[in-house]
Amino acid sequence: MGLSCDCGIDDYEWYYEVSDDTNYAACSSGKCYGCGGQIKVGDEVAHIWSWEMDENGEERPWENIGRICEKCWGHYESLKALGFCMTADWGFIKEAIWEYQTDFVPIKHKITTRRTL
């Protein structure tokens, strides 16, 4: 499940952060980690970083998981502002939007396919 209302801090070995804005321009083309859509050179993107806890409980950067497009970053920020937490799996924004619309939007406003983001 990609979307959760329980954002409690547990004893995790790693976690992720999304950069605070999309002030980064893509230097190469690729796929959006949030929805799988195309990112072109020059598109505004946000970076996703995973962090790990070492044996002393200290945080340290682990790796850049990927980039998300400007649209996914907006969806991420909106869901976060509503108090939701998301797992950082490939396509997690698309999945979280689907879950939000399926579980929290009144029936007359629901989408009919997963393809819509």
Protein backbone atom coordinates (compact mmCIF):
# COMPACT_ATOMS: atom_id res chain seq x y z
CA MET A 1 0.00 0.00 0.00
CA GLY A 2 1.42 3.38 -1.00
CA LEU A 3 -0.78 5.75 1.04
CA SER A 4 -1.11 5.79 4.81
CA CYS A 5 -2.61 7.99 7.51
CA ASP A 6 -0.17 6.57 10.06
CA CYS A 7 2.99 8.64 9.82
CA GLY A 8 4.45 7.51 13.13
CA ILE A 9 8.19 7.24 13.42
CA ASP A 10 9.26 3.67 14.03
CA ASP A 11 12.64 2.02 14.12
CA TYR A 12 13.38 2.19 10.40
CA GLU A 13 16.73 1.29 8.88
CA TRP A 14 16.18 3.74 6.02
CA TYR A 15 13.78 6.48 4.94
CA TYR A 16 13.40 8.89 2.03
CA GLU A 17 13.06 12.63 1.47
CA VAL A 18 11.84 14.55 -1.54
CA SER A 19 13.62 17.83 -2.26
CA ASP A 20 11.72 20.91 -1.11
CA ASP A 21 11.01 22.24 -4.58
CA THR A 22 11.43 21.60 -8.28
CA ASN A 23 14.20 24.12 -8.88
CA TYR A 24 16.31 21.44 -10.52
CA ALA A 25 16.47 21.11 -14.29
CA ALA A 26 16.86 17.57 -15.60
CA CYS A 27 20.29 17.15 -17.18
CA SER A 28 19.26 13.93 -18.89
CA SER A 29 16.05 12.33 -20.04
CA GLY A 30 14.51 9.48 -18.11
CA LYS A 31 11.42 8.28 -16.31
CA CYS A 32 9.65 9.93 -13.39
CA TYR A 33 10.02 7.81 -10.25
CA GLY A 34 6.58 8.97 -9.10
CA CYS A 35 4.45 8.12 -12.15
CA GLY A 36 6.70 6.52 -14.77
CA GLY A 37 6.12 9.39 -17.20
CA GLN A 38 8.81 10.80 -19.46
CA ILE A 39 11.23 13.43 -18.14
CA LYS A 40 13.00 15.44 -20.83
CA VAL A 41 16.22 17.42 -20.59
CA GLY A 42 15.42 20.80 -19.02
CA ASP A 43 12.18 19.70 -17.29
CA GLU A 44 11.80 20.83 -13.69
CA VAL A 45 12.27 17.90 -11.33
CA ALA A 46 12.59 17.16 -7.63
CA HIS A 47 15.07 14.59 -6.34
CA ILE A 48 14.28 11.72 -4.00
CA TRP A 49 17.02 10.78 -1.57
CA SER A 50 17.08 7.71 0.61
CA TRP A 51 18.86 7.87 3.94
CA GLU A 52 20.00 5.08 6.14
CA MET A 53 20.79 4.77 9.81
CA ASP A 54 24.24 3.41 10.61
CA GLU A 55 25.04 1.12 13.53
CA ASN A 56 25.40 4.17 15.85
CA GLY A 57 21.95 5.51 14.94
CA GLU A 58 23.46 8.32 12.86
CA GLU A 59 21.79 9.41 9.63
CA ARG A 60 23.79 9.39 6.45
CA PRO A 61 22.86 9.91 2.80
CA TRP A 62 22.59 6.64 1.00
CA GLU A 63 21.59 7.27 -2.59
CA ASN A 64 19.57 9.36 -5.00
CA ILE A 65 16.59 7.08 -5.70
CA GLY A 66 15.42 9.10 -8.67
CA ARG A 67 13.60 12.19 -9.87
CA ILE A 68 9.94 13.09 -9.93
CA CYS A 69 8.30 15.43 -12.40
CA GLU A 70 6.81 18.77 -11.41
CA LYS A 71 3.26 17.37 -11.51
CA CYS A 72 4.13 14.47 -9.19
CA TRP A 73 5.92 16.85 -6.84
CA GLY A 74 2.72 18.92 -6.61
CA HIS A 75 0.65 15.80 -5.89
CA TYR A 76 3.20 14.69 -3.29
CA GLU A 77 3.10 18.06 -1.51
CA SER A 78 -0.72 18.13 -1.59
CA LEU A 79 -1.06 14.64 -0.11
CA LYS A 80 1.58 15.44 2.50
CA ALA A 81 -0.31 18.63 3.45
CA LEU A 82 -3.45 16.52 3.97
CA GLY A 83 -1.49 14.41 6.48
CA PHE A 84 -0.78 11.34 4.34
CA CYS A 85 2.46 9.40 4.20
CA MET A 86 3.63 7.41 1.19
CA THR A 87 6.04 4.58 0.59
CA ALA A 88 8.83 5.33 -1.88
CA ASP A 89 8.30 2.52 -4.37
CA TRP A 90 8.51 2.96 -8.16
CA GLY A 91 5.29 4.73 -9.25
CA PHE A 92 4.37 5.68 -5.68
CA ILE A 93 2.74 9.01 -6.56
CA LYS A 94 0.50 7.46 -9.21
CA GLU A 95 -0.47 4.71 -6.77
CA ALA A 96 -1.08 7.19 -3.91
CA ILE A 97 -3.33 9.37 -6.10
CA TRP A 98 -5.27 6.26 -7.16
CA GLU A 99 -5.69 5.16 -3.53
CA TYR A 100 -6.71 8.67 -2.45
CA GLN A 101 -9.35 8.94 -5.18
CA THR A 102 -10.60 5.41 -4.55
CA ASP A 103 -10.79 5.65 -0.76
CA PHE A 104 -11.35 9.34 0.07
CA VAL A 105 -13.10 11.10 -2.83
CA PRO A 106 -16.91 11.02 -3.01
CA ILE A 107 -18.24 8.66 -5.70
CA LYS A 108 -19.36 11.36 -8.15
CA HIS A 109 -15.75 12.67 -8.37
CA LYS A 110 -13.91 9.35 -8.69
CA ILE A 111 -11.82 8.56 -11.73
CA THR A 112 -12.59 5.48 -13.79
CA THR A 113 -9.11 4.26 -14.77
CA ARG A 114 -5.67 4.08 -13.20
CA ARG A 115 -4.20 5.80 -16.24
CA THR A 116 -5.37 9.23 -15.14
CA LEU A 117 -2.98 11.17 -12.93
